[in-house]
Amino acid sequence: MKYTKTTLAVCLALSLSACGGGSSPEPTPPAPPQADIQFNFPTSIEIARGGDASFAVSLMQNNNNAPSLFELEIVMENGSGIEVVNIAPKDSSGRRLVTLRATDKANLGIVRGTISARIGDLVKNLPIMVSIKPAVSGLYNSSFGSNGLAALPIPSGAISNAASDITFDTRGRVLALGYTQLSRGTDIAFTISRFSESGIIDKTFGSDGHVVVNPSDNDERGVEIYEAADGKLLVFGYYGEYFGVIRLLSNGSIDTSYESNGILKLSKAFFPVLSTDMDSKGRVLVSIHNTQYDTTSIFRLNPDGTYDNTFSSVTLNIASHLRHYNKIRALSGGEIVFSYVSGEVDQNISIIKILENGTLDGKFGKQGKLDIDLGSSEDILIDTEIDSRDQIVIFGRTKNLNRAIIKLNKNGEAVTSFGESGRLNLDSDKDVLFDELELKNQNIVLYDSYTRGESTAVEIDESGKSKRFNFSRPSNYENGRTTLSKVVWNSRLSRYIGYGDLEISSSSFSDRGVIYSFFE
């Protein structure tokens, strides 16, 4: 097409030379509209350390919906601790769901990055900002393991592998003790699995990260696990008709040089071990109850798991129906605190202090024994712990389920700066039946276990002031529901490590053990 009229009008106002000697040039046609991509995503994105945040990104091209296939990329600042977990395919509304994760070491404050979209050869970049907040107390660390938990491996051919205890080795790795049903019969064995601090299975340990211990054709159930100073493992539990301790090498194989093919038989299974603890010298303290004579014996093992003959064993008369309510704990100087429930008609909590050589400390209470009355005829001991200042923390309840905490110094005297003269009644927390106690440095943490939802917890400082929080965890994993059995404060990581089970089917409540990491 020639635009002759326009050209002529211009030339009439100019000299002919300006029009190229009077000729009519062809003008350049107008440029088509430039293609463009329009973004739509939140301008403010917040993530707590260890948590996730998801948001939708929608695109348009020249004010029309973007094609079904378009590339989307997000790049954050190097070292920011922000990870792109997932960019989902485009949904029916034309959006793509993006999930970002802040690691537990993500930089607090504003983190910048770039979000880029590509449609064919057309690319558009826009800045993106993420605000990183401190972790929420009790929030599970989503970067631990797989999406917030580490599952105990189920041995080949086995049906289940439930969790029963955890500990940490000298390198901070998690050692998880489990018991597994090897077949649909009654053959039960126990397993040990090792995980890194970040919850990744350590495949250099045993067979793909776990070992199965089944020294006989009878049931073997591990109850508690310790790591000795030389890296060997001591596992207390049931071994056929005996209750004893088995010693394993650092690679998980049975140490056949120890006692009888690696097993020290402590008692018949109907004389169960009630409680154990490890002192500052690596010696293991053990209490065993004899149901036939209503007696409880306390003795000590050397770090290598052999009997400590320098320790005079102590025997107490404790009614068999009260045998489960006792704890043995070590003080920093090698002394032992043993708490239990005494009395037939009027039940109280009793505490004895044993010197390093096995004799009672006559300066503690009355000739080595101290009785605590919580105010009912059926007081029950829930737990006992020793804090880093050698203060004794007693957690108990009354017949009416009222709970109280008693704090004593190592001489048995009340720590008067705590609560009211060393006692804190949990009257304001009657709505929660706390059944577990853990120490976080000098603070006390109580929580309810075996719940299928969030576990309510309360942290109590040295003066008795408290704050509530929840131990939250992934609610659904592999189509199963998670439970929480116990948490342990890991001072090396400054967080809680907990374990529980994954209920996959209604017919089995403990199909698979799981481990969590919670922020403080």
Protein backbone atom coordinates (compact mmCIF):
# COMPACT_ATOMS: atom_id res chain seq x y z
CA MET A 1 0.00 0.00 0.00
CA LYS A 2 1.28 3.53 -0.87
CA TYR A 3 0.63 6.45 1.47
CA THR A 4 0.70 8.97 -1.36
CA LYS A 5 -1.66 11.56 0.12
CA THR A 6 0.38 11.91 3.30
CA THR A 7 3.60 12.11 1.34
CA LEU A 8 2.25 14.72 -0.98
CA ALA A 9 1.05 16.97 1.82
CA VAL A 10 4.48 16.89 3.42
CA CYS A 11 6.27 17.62 0.17
CA LEU A 12 4.09 20.68 -0.52
CA ALA A 13 5.39 22.22 2.66
CA LEU A 14 9.03 21.38 1.86
CA SER A 15 11.40 21.89 -1.05
CA LEU A 16 11.39 19.26 -3.72
CA SER A 17 14.91 18.23 -2.75
CA ALA A 18 13.66 17.32 0.64
CA CYS A 19 11.34 14.90 -1.06
CA GLY A 20 14.08 13.25 -3.05
CA GLY A 21 13.68 15.24 -6.22
CA GLY A 22 9.96 14.91 -6.11
CA SER A 23 9.73 11.08 -5.80
CA SER A 24 7.35 9.46 -3.28
CA PRO A 25 9.29 7.06 -0.84
CA GLU A 26 7.58 4.14 0.89
CA PRO A 27 7.27 4.80 4.69
CA THR A 28 7.97 2.08 7.34
CA PRO A 29 4.76 0.36 8.52
CA PRO A 30 3.91 0.67 12.28
CA ALA A 31 5.67 -1.96 14.55
CA PRO A 32 3.39 -4.65 15.98
CA PRO A 33 2.73 -4.53 19.76
CA GLN A 34 5.68 -5.96 21.78
CA ALA A 35 4.98 -9.31 23.41
CA ASP A 36 4.98 -9.25 27.23
CA ILE A 37 4.53 -11.54 30.24
CA GLN A 38 2.56 -10.38 33.25
CA PHE A 39 3.25 -11.92 36.68
CA ASN A 40 0.89 -12.31 39.60
CA PHE A 41 2.35 -13.58 42.90
CA PRO A 42 2.38 -12.40 46.57
CA THR A 43 4.58 -9.41 47.26
CA SER A 44 5.11 -10.51 50.88
CA ILE A 45 6.24 -14.06 51.67
CA GLU A 46 7.09 -15.11 55.24
CA ILE A 47 8.70 -18.38 56.38
CA ALA A 48 9.78 -19.46 59.86
CA ARG A 49 13.16 -21.16 60.11
CA GLY A 50 12.71 -24.83 59.38
CA GLY A 51 9.29 -24.25 57.90
CA ASP A 52 7.68 -24.14 54.45
CA ALA A 53 5.62 -21.54 52.61
CA SER A 54 3.55 -22.13 49.49
CA PHE A 55 2.18 -19.50 47.12
CA ALA A 56 0.60 -19.41 43.67
CA VAL A 57 2.13 -17.83 40.57
CA SER A 58 -0.09 -17.00 37.61
CA LEU A 59 1.08 -15.66 34.24
CA MET A 60 -0.53 -13.87 31.33
CA GLN A 61 0.86 -13.10 27.89
CA ASN A 62 -0.41 -9.92 26.30
CA ASN A 63 -3.35 -9.92 28.72
CA ASN A 64 -4.31 -13.45 27.67
CA ASN A 65 -3.91 -16.58 29.69
CA ALA A 66 -0.43 -18.04 29.44
CA PRO A 67 -0.08 -21.29 27.47
CA SER A 68 -0.39 -24.53 29.38
CA LEU A 69 3.36 -25.08 29.20
CA PHE A 70 5.59 -22.35 30.57
CA GLU A 71 8.86 -22.55 32.47
CA LEU A 72 9.21 -21.05 35.92
CA GLU A 73 12.44 -20.68 37.88
CA ILE A 74 13.28 -19.13 41.26
CA VAL A 75 16.85 -18.30 42.30
CA MET A 76 17.56 -16.99 45.81
CA GLU A 77 20.70 -15.35 47.16
CA ASN A 78 23.64 -17.72 47.63
CA GLY A 79 23.94 -18.93 51.21
CA SER A 80 20.53 -17.60 52.18
CA GLY A 81 19.25 -20.97 53.37
CA ILE A 82 16.14 -20.81 51.17
CA GLU A 83 15.41 -23.91 49.11
CA VAL A 84 12.90 -24.37 46.31
CA VAL A 85 11.09 -27.55 47.34
CA ASN A 86 8.61 -27.81 44.48
CA ILE A 87 7.10 -25.98 41.51
CA ALA A 88 3.87 -27.77 40.70
CA PRO A 89 2.40 -28.07 37.16
CA LYS A 90 -0.18 -25.52 36.05
CA ASP A 91 -3.58 -26.14 37.60
CA SER A 92 -7.05 -25.62 36.09
CA SER A 93 -6.98 -21.95 37.12
CA GLY A 94 -3.76 -21.31 35.23
CA ARG A 95 -1.61 -21.10 38.39
CA ARG A 96 1.53 -22.91 39.45
CA LEU A 97 2.01 -23.61 43.16
CA VAL A 98 5.52 -22.87 44.46
CA THR A 99 6.84 -24.21 47.79
CA LEU A 100 9.88 -22.63 49.44
CA ARG A 101 11.63 -23.94 52.54
CA ALA A 102 13.80 -22.10 55.05
CA THR A 103 16.46 -24.38 56.51
CA ASP A 104 17.13 -24.28 60.23
CA LYS A 105 20.15 -22.05 59.51
CA ALA A 106 18.47 -19.66 57.07
CA ASN A 107 19.42 -16.00 57.37
CA LEU A 108 16.93 -14.06 59.47
CA GLY A 109 15.43 -10.96 57.85
CA ILE A 110 14.83 -10.18 54.18
CA VAL A 111 16.25 -12.54 51.56
CA ARG A 112 16.15 -11.47 47.91
CA GLY A 113 16.00 -13.50 44.75
CA THR A 114 14.68 -13.59 41.20
CA ILE A 115 11.62 -15.28 39.74
CA SER A 116 11.87 -15.97 36.01
CA ALA A 117 9.26 -17.10 33.48
CA ARG A 118 9.87 -18.32 29.96
CA ILE A 119 7.28 -18.76 27.21
CA GLY A 120 9.06 -19.90 24.07
CA ASP A 121 11.85 -17.40 23.45
CA LEU A 122 10.24 -14.78 25.64
CA VAL A 123 11.75 -14.38 29.14
CA LYS A 124 10.81 -12.04 31.96
CA ASN A 125 12.55 -11.64 35.34
CA LEU A 126 11.15 -9.99 38.46
CA PRO A 127 12.58 -9.60 41.97
CA ILE A 128 11.17 -11.65 44.84
CA MET A 129 11.62 -11.04 48.58
CA VAL A 130 11.17 -13.53 51.42
CA SER A 131 11.08 -12.59 55.11
CA ILE A 132 12.68 -15.22 57.37
CA LYS A 133 11.32 -15.34 60.92
CA PRO A 134 12.70 -17.20 63.97
CA ALA A 135 11.52 -20.78 64.38
CA VAL A 136 8.37 -21.39 66.40
CA SER A 137 8.88 -23.35 69.64
CA GLY A 138 7.92 -26.97 69.10
CA LEU A 139 7.60 -26.63 65.33
CA TYR A 140 8.92 -29.69 63.55
CA ASN A 141 11.94 -29.07 61.35
CA SER A 142 10.69 -29.74 57.83
CA SER A 143 14.27 -30.02 56.53
CA PHE A 144 14.95 -32.97 58.88
CA GLY A 145 14.82 -36.37 57.18
CA SER A 146 12.11 -36.50 54.55
CA ASN A 147 9.63 -33.62 54.92
CA GLY A 148 10.12 -33.41 58.67
CA LEU A 149 10.64 -36.97 59.85
CA ALA A 150 12.99 -39.91 59.50
CA ALA A 151 11.36 -43.34 59.31
CA LEU A 152 12.99 -46.44 60.75
CA PRO A 153 13.72 -48.88 57.93
CA ILE A 154 11.71 -52.09 57.98
CA PRO A 155 14.05 -55.07 57.51
CA SER A 156 13.56 -57.21 54.42
CA GLY A 157 10.70 -59.66 54.97
CA ALA A 158 9.64 -58.06 58.27
CA ILE A 159 6.19 -56.67 58.98
CA SER A 160 6.94 -53.71 61.25
CA ASN A 161 9.67 -51.82 63.10
CA ALA A 162 8.44 -49.67 66.01
CA ALA A 163 10.59 -47.22 68.00
CA SER A 164 11.43 -47.78 71.68
CA ASP A 165 14.38 -45.47 72.50
CA ILE A 166 16.90 -43.05 71.02
CA THR A 167 20.34 -41.78 72.00
CA PHE A 168 23.14 -39.79 70.38
CA ASP A 169 26.68 -40.93 69.68
CA THR A 170 29.76 -38.79 70.21
CA ARG A 171 29.44 -37.38 66.67
CA GLY A 172 25.84 -36.27 67.21
CA ARG A 173 24.30 -39.02 65.10
CA VAL A 174 20.94 -40.43 66.19
CA LEU A 175 20.84 -44.08 67.25
CA ALA A 176 17.26 -45.35 67.17
CA LEU A 177 16.31 -48.55 68.96
CA GLY A 178 13.33 -50.41 67.54
CA TYR A 179 11.63 -53.77 67.77
CA THR A 180 10.49 -55.54 64.66
CA GLN A 181 8.09 -58.35 63.95
CA LEU A 182 10.02 -60.61 61.60
CA SER A 183 7.02 -62.67 60.57
CA ARG A 184 3.33 -63.05 61.29
CA GLY A 185 4.23 -65.45 64.06
CA THR A 186 5.78 -64.45 67.37
CA ASP A 187 9.37 -63.98 66.26
CA ILE A 188 10.32 -60.53 67.55
CA ALA A 189 13.80 -59.00 67.21
CA PHE A 190 15.17 -55.56 67.88
CA THR A 191 16.84 -53.22 65.45
CA ILE A 192 19.27 -50.32 65.66
CA SER A 193 19.21 -47.64 62.98
CA ARG A 194 21.67 -44.78 62.66
CA PHE A 195 20.83 -41.36 61.22
CA SER A 196 22.85 -38.23 60.61
CA GLU A 197 22.10 -35.02 62.52
CA SER A 198 19.91 -33.99 59.60
CA GLY A 199 17.87 -37.21 59.71
CA ILE A 200 19.45 -39.05 56.76
CA ILE A 201 19.92 -42.79 57.19
CA ASP A 202 23.62 -43.69 57.55
CA LYS A 203 24.06 -46.53 55.08
CA THR A 204 27.61 -47.20 56.31
CA PHE A 205 26.07 -48.67 59.48
CA GLY A 206 25.06 -52.32 59.33
CA SER A 207 22.98 -53.21 56.29
CA ASP A 208 21.82 -50.00 54.61
CA GLY A 209 21.79 -48.12 57.89
CA HIS A 210 20.36 -50.65 60.33
CA VAL A 211 21.11 -53.93 62.05
CA VAL A 212 18.76 -56.68 63.20
CA VAL A 213 19.69 -58.35 66.50
CA ASN A 214 18.09 -61.75 66.96
CA PRO A 215 20.51 -64.00 68.87
CA SER A 216 17.89 -66.68 69.51
CA ASP A 217 14.61 -67.91 68.10
CA ASN A 218 12.83 -66.32 71.06
CA ASP A 219 11.56 -62.78 71.35
CA GLU A 220 14.18 -60.04 71.72
CA ARG A 221 12.95 -56.57 72.65
CA GLY A 222 15.38 -53.72 73.24
CA VAL A 223 14.28 -51.20 75.87
CA GLU A 224 17.15 -48.73 76.33
CA ILE A 225 20.38 -48.06 74.42
CA TYR A 226 23.67 -46.44 75.48
CA GLU A 227 26.93 -45.74 73.71
CA ALA A 228 30.06 -46.63 75.71
CA ALA A 229 33.20 -44.47 75.65
CA ASP A 230 34.87 -46.86 73.19
CA GLY A 231 31.99 -46.55 70.72
CA LYS A 232 30.44 -49.92 71.56
CA LEU A 233 26.71 -50.08 72.19
CA LEU A 234 24.94 -51.47 75.25
CA VAL A 235 21.29 -52.43 74.74
CA PHE A 236 19.10 -53.40 77.69
CA GLY A 237 16.09 -55.54 76.98
CA TYR A 238 14.43 -58.94 76.91
CA TYR A 239 16.42 -61.81 75.42
CA GLY A 240 14.23 -64.88 75.43
CA GLU A 241 13.50 -65.77 79.05
CA TYR A 242 16.09 -63.33 80.41
CA PHE A 243 16.36 -59.62 80.95
CA GLY A 244 19.87 -58.48 80.29
CA VAL A 245 22.27 -56.36 78.29
CA ILE A 246 23.82 -57.14 74.93
CA ARG A 247 27.03 -55.47 73.74
CA LEU A 248 27.48 -54.54 70.11
CA LEU A 249 30.51 -53.32 68.23
CA SER A 250 30.41 -49.83 66.74
CA ASN A 251 29.36 -51.34 63.38
CA GLY A 252 26.33 -52.98 64.99
CA SER A 253 27.53 -56.60 65.10
CA ILE A 254 27.34 -58.59 68.36
CA ASP A 255 30.53 -58.44 70.45
CA THR A 256 30.96 -62.16 71.11
CA SER A 257 33.91 -61.48 73.43
CA TYR A 258 31.49 -60.01 75.97
CA GLU A 259 30.14 -62.40 78.61
CA SER A 260 28.17 -65.27 77.03
CA ASN A 261 28.22 -64.67 73.27
CA GLY A 262 27.68 -60.96 73.76
CA ILE A 263 24.87 -61.11 76.34
CA LEU A 264 25.00 -60.46 80.10
CA LYS A 265 21.96 -62.08 81.72
CA LEU A 266 20.81 -59.86 84.56
CA SER A 267 17.65 -61.66 85.66
CA LYS A 268 14.79 -63.83 84.58
CA ALA A 269 12.31 -61.95 82.43
CA PHE A 270 9.72 -61.95 85.23
CA PHE A 271 12.28 -60.01 87.33
CA PRO A 272 12.33 -56.98 85.03
CA VAL A 273 14.81 -54.17 84.86
CA LEU A 274 12.91 -51.10 85.98
CA SER A 275 15.22 -48.21 85.23
CA THR A 276 18.74 -47.45 83.98
CA ASP A 277 21.01 -44.43 83.65
CA MET A 278 24.62 -43.68 82.69
CA ASP A 279 26.83 -41.62 84.99
CA SER A 280 29.57 -39.14 84.07
CA LYS A 281 32.18 -41.93 84.05
CA GLY A 282 30.26 -44.06 81.58
CA ARG A 283 29.05 -46.57 84.18
CA VAL A 284 25.49 -47.84 83.83
CA LEU A 285 23.16 -47.85 86.84
CA VAL A 286 20.48 -50.54 86.93
CA SER A 287 17.50 -51.34 89.15
CA ILE A 288 15.81 -54.77 89.01
CA HIS A 289 12.64 -55.90 90.78
CA ASN A 290 11.99 -59.36 92.17
CA THR A 291 8.25 -59.96 92.03
CA GLN A 292 8.54 -63.11 94.13
CA TYR A 293 10.00 -61.34 97.18
CA ASP A 294 8.79 -57.74 96.54
CA THR A 295 12.35 -56.43 96.52
CA THR A 296 14.22 -54.07 94.21
CA SER A 297 18.00 -54.31 93.78
CA ILE A 298 20.31 -51.55 92.57
CA PHE A 299 23.71 -52.29 91.06
CA ARG A 300 26.24 -50.77 88.67
CA LEU A 301 28.02 -51.90 85.52
CA ASN A 302 31.44 -50.77 84.36
CA PRO A 303 31.71 -48.78 81.09
CA ASP A 304 32.48 -52.04 79.27
CA GLY A 305 29.25 -53.61 80.57
CA THR A 306 30.79 -55.90 83.20
CA TYR A 307 29.70 -55.92 86.85
CA ASP A 308 31.29 -53.20 88.98
CA ASN A 309 32.47 -55.10 92.04
CA THR A 310 33.51 -51.87 93.80
CA PHE A 311 29.84 -51.01 94.23
CA SER A 312 27.83 -52.56 97.06
CA SER A 313 24.41 -53.41 95.70
CA VAL A 314 21.40 -51.94 97.50
CA THR A 315 18.13 -53.82 98.14
CA LEU A 316 14.80 -52.15 98.97
CA ASN A 317 11.41 -53.57 99.90
CA ILE A 318 8.94 -52.30 97.27
CA ALA A 319 5.50 -53.79 96.65
CA SER A 320 5.28 -55.43 93.23
CA HIS A 321 2.19 -53.45 92.20
CA LEU A 322 4.26 -50.26 92.67
CA ARG A 323 7.39 -51.50 90.90
CA HIS A 324 6.84 -49.46 87.73
CA TYR A 325 6.91 -46.14 89.53
CA ASN A 326 10.62 -45.63 90.09
CA LYS A 327 13.62 -43.92 88.48
CA ILE A 328 17.37 -44.25 88.96
CA ARG A 329 19.48 -41.18 88.16
CA ALA A 330 23.17 -40.26 88.46
CA LEU A 331 24.59 -37.12 90.05
CA SER A 332 27.74 -35.55 88.60
CA GLY A 333 29.96 -36.77 91.42
CA GLY A 334 29.06 -40.44 90.95
CA GLU A 335 26.32 -40.54 93.59
CA ILE A 336 22.95 -42.12 92.78
CA VAL A 337 19.44 -40.86 93.37
CA PHE A 338 16.70 -43.51 93.36
CA SER A 339 13.06 -42.41 93.60
CA TYR A 340 10.10 -44.72 94.05
CA VAL A 341 6.60 -45.05 95.54
CA SER A 342 6.43 -46.43 99.08
CA GLY A 343 3.66 -47.33 101.47
CA GLU A 344 0.75 -49.72 101.25
CA VAL A 345 -2.10 -47.69 102.79
CA ASP A 346 -0.72 -44.16 102.36
CA GLN A 347 1.44 -43.95 99.24
CA ASN A 348 4.18 -41.34 99.14
CA ILE A 349 7.16 -40.65 96.91
CA SER A 350 10.44 -41.68 98.51
CA ILE A 351 13.99 -40.77 97.50
CA ILE A 352 17.25 -42.34 98.61
CA LYS A 353 20.74 -41.10 97.85
CA ILE A 354 23.51 -43.64 97.41
CA LEU A 355 27.20 -42.74 97.58
CA GLU A 356 29.62 -43.82 94.86
CA ASN A 357 30.66 -46.91 96.84
CA GLY A 358 27.06 -48.14 97.19
CA THR A 359 26.31 -47.03 100.77
CA LEU A 360 23.47 -44.70 101.75
CA ASP A 361 24.31 -41.02 102.24
CA GLY A 362 23.37 -40.47 105.88
CA LYS A 363 23.35 -36.68 105.38
CA PHE A 364 20.49 -36.91 102.89
CA GLY A 365 17.02 -36.70 104.50
CA LYS A 366 16.76 -39.11 107.39
CA GLN A 367 19.63 -41.57 107.19
CA GLY A 368 19.73 -41.38 103.41
CA LYS A 369 15.98 -41.35 102.71
CA LEU A 370 13.52 -38.53 102.07
CA ASP A 371 9.71 -38.87 101.84
CA ILE A 372 7.53 -36.46 99.83
CA ASP A 373 3.77 -36.18 100.40
CA LEU A 374 1.90 -34.64 97.47
CA GLY A 375 -1.32 -34.54 99.49
CA SER A 376 -3.24 -37.71 98.71
CA SER A 377 -3.32 -41.33 99.83
CA GLU A 378 -2.17 -42.54 96.42
CA ASP A 379 0.69 -40.33 95.25
CA ILE A 380 2.38 -41.58 92.10
CA LEU A 381 5.85 -40.83 90.74
CA ILE A 382 5.86 -39.91 87.03
CA ASP A 383 9.50 -39.04 86.46
CA THR A 384 12.76 -37.89 88.04
CA GLU A 385 15.59 -35.99 86.36
CA ILE A 386 18.86 -34.35 87.44
CA ASP A 387 19.69 -30.95 85.95
CA SER A 388 23.14 -29.56 85.17
CA ARG A 389 23.40 -28.07 88.68
CA ASP A 390 22.77 -31.44 90.32
CA GLN A 391 19.28 -30.34 91.34
CA ILE A 392 16.76 -33.17 91.68
CA VAL A 393 13.50 -32.62 89.79
CA ILE A 394 10.57 -34.80 90.92
CA PHE A 395 7.38 -34.95 88.85
CA GLY A 396 4.39 -36.65 90.44
CA ARG A 397 0.60 -36.72 90.68
CA THR A 398 -2.03 -37.27 93.31
CA LYS A 399 -4.98 -39.64 93.38
CA ASN A 400 -7.12 -36.88 91.84
CA LEU A 401 -4.62 -36.48 88.98
CA ASN A 402 -3.31 -33.16 90.28
CA ARG A 403 0.29 -32.79 89.17
CA ALA A 404 3.19 -31.15 90.96
CA ILE A 405 6.92 -30.61 90.53
CA ILE A 406 9.33 -30.71 93.45
CA LYS A 407 12.87 -29.36 93.09
CA LEU A 408 15.59 -30.31 95.61
CA ASN A 409 19.32 -29.69 95.81
CA LYS A 410 21.65 -32.68 95.95
CA ASN A 411 21.45 -32.67 99.76
CA GLY A 412 17.67 -33.10 99.68
CA GLU A 413 16.83 -29.50 100.63
CA ALA A 414 14.08 -27.61 98.81
CA VAL A 415 15.18 -25.13 96.15
CA THR A 416 13.14 -22.26 97.60
CA SER A 417 13.59 -20.01 94.52
CA PHE A 418 11.44 -22.45 92.53
CA GLY A 419 7.65 -22.14 92.76
CA GLU A 420 6.47 -21.93 96.37
CA SER A 421 9.31 -23.14 98.57
CA GLY A 422 10.50 -25.64 95.99
CA ARG A 423 7.09 -26.90 94.86
CA LEU A 424 5.07 -25.95 91.78
CA ASN A 425 1.47 -27.12 91.50
CA LEU A 426 0.21 -27.37 87.94
CA ASP A 427 -3.30 -26.20 88.82
CA SER A 428 -3.56 -23.99 85.74
CA ASP A 429 -2.74 -26.91 83.46
CA LYS A 430 -5.41 -29.38 84.62
CA ASP A 431 -6.79 -29.56 81.10
CA VAL A 432 -3.67 -31.42 79.97
CA LEU A 433 -2.55 -34.69 81.54
CA PHE A 434 1.19 -34.22 81.18
CA ASP A 435 2.89 -37.59 81.44
CA GLU A 436 6.50 -36.93 80.36
CA LEU A 437 9.30 -34.70 81.65
CA GLU A 438 12.46 -33.54 79.88
CA LEU A 439 15.11 -31.02 80.91
CA LYS A 440 16.19 -28.25 78.55
CA ASN A 441 19.32 -26.85 80.18
CA GLN A 442 17.92 -25.50 83.48
CA ASN A 443 14.31 -25.39 82.31
CA ILE A 444 11.71 -28.12 82.76
CA VAL A 445 9.60 -29.26 79.81
CA LEU A 446 6.40 -31.26 80.37
CA TYR A 447 4.31 -32.70 77.58
CA ASP A 448 1.61 -35.23 76.82
CA SER A 449 2.69 -38.19 74.74
CA TYR A 450 1.02 -40.80 72.53
CA THR A 451 -1.32 -38.19 71.07
CA ARG A 452 -2.28 -38.30 67.41
CA GLY A 453 -2.61 -34.54 67.08
CA GLU A 454 -0.28 -31.86 68.33
CA SER A 455 1.27 -32.66 71.72
CA THR A 456 0.71 -29.88 74.26
CA ALA A 457 3.84 -28.89 76.18
CA VAL A 458 4.82 -26.37 78.82
CA GLU A 459 8.31 -24.99 79.51
CA ILE A 460 9.02 -23.93 83.10
CA ASP A 461 11.98 -21.72 83.98
CA GLU A 462 14.06 -21.77 87.16
CA SER A 463 11.63 -19.56 89.04
CA GLY A 464 8.56 -21.59 88.10
CA LYS A 465 7.21 -19.30 85.38
CA SER A 466 5.81 -21.23 82.44
CA LYS A 467 4.84 -20.85 78.80
CA ARG A 468 2.83 -23.21 76.65
CA PHE A 469 3.63 -24.45 73.18
CA ASN A 470 2.87 -27.45 70.99
CA PHE A 471 5.06 -30.16 69.56
CA SER A 472 3.67 -30.14 66.04
CA ARG A 473 4.62 -32.77 63.48
CA PRO A 474 3.66 -33.96 60.01
CA SER A 475 0.03 -35.02 60.29
CA ASN A 476 0.13 -37.41 57.36
CA TYR A 477 2.97 -39.49 56.01
CA GLU A 478 2.73 -42.44 53.64
CA ASN A 479 -1.06 -42.39 54.25
CA GLY A 480 -0.49 -42.91 57.97
CA ARG A 481 -0.92 -40.87 61.15
CA THR A 482 2.00 -40.02 63.42
CA THR A 483 2.25 -40.27 67.21
CA LEU A 484 4.78 -38.86 69.67
CA SER A 485 6.16 -41.08 72.43
CA LYS A 486 9.11 -39.13 73.85
CA VAL A 487 11.34 -36.12 73.20
CA VAL A 488 14.95 -35.62 74.26
CA TRP A 489 16.69 -32.24 74.43
CA ASN A 490 19.88 -32.27 72.33
CA SER A 491 22.13 -29.48 73.65
CA ARG A 492 24.58 -29.99 70.79
CA LEU A 493 21.91 -29.08 68.22
CA SER A 494 19.89 -26.82 70.56
CA ARG A 495 16.67 -28.60 69.67
CA TYR A 496 14.48 -31.52 70.65
CA ILE A 497 14.73 -34.91 69.00
CA GLY A 498 11.64 -37.04 69.45
CA TYR A 499 10.36 -40.42 68.40
CA GLY A 500 7.02 -42.08 67.95
CA ASP A 501 5.21 -44.36 65.55
CA LEU A 502 3.44 -44.18 62.25
CA GLU A 503 0.02 -45.79 62.19
CA ILE A 504 -0.52 -47.06 58.66
CA SER A 505 -3.46 -49.37 59.25
CA SER A 506 -6.16 -49.57 61.89
CA SER A 507 -5.14 -53.14 62.73
CA SER A 508 -1.60 -52.20 63.79
CA PHE A 509 -0.88 -49.17 65.93
CA SER A 510 2.93 -49.40 65.73
CA ASP A 511 3.72 -50.25 62.14
CA ARG A 512 6.78 -48.07 61.79
CA GLY A 513 8.92 -45.96 64.08
CA VAL A 514 9.62 -42.34 63.16
CA ILE A 515 12.00 -39.66 64.45
CA TYR A 516 11.34 -35.92 64.53
CA SER A 517 13.39 -32.78 65.08
CA PHE A 518 11.68 -29.89 66.89
CA PHE A 519 12.85 -26.30 67.30
CA GLU A 520 13.35 -24.94 70.80
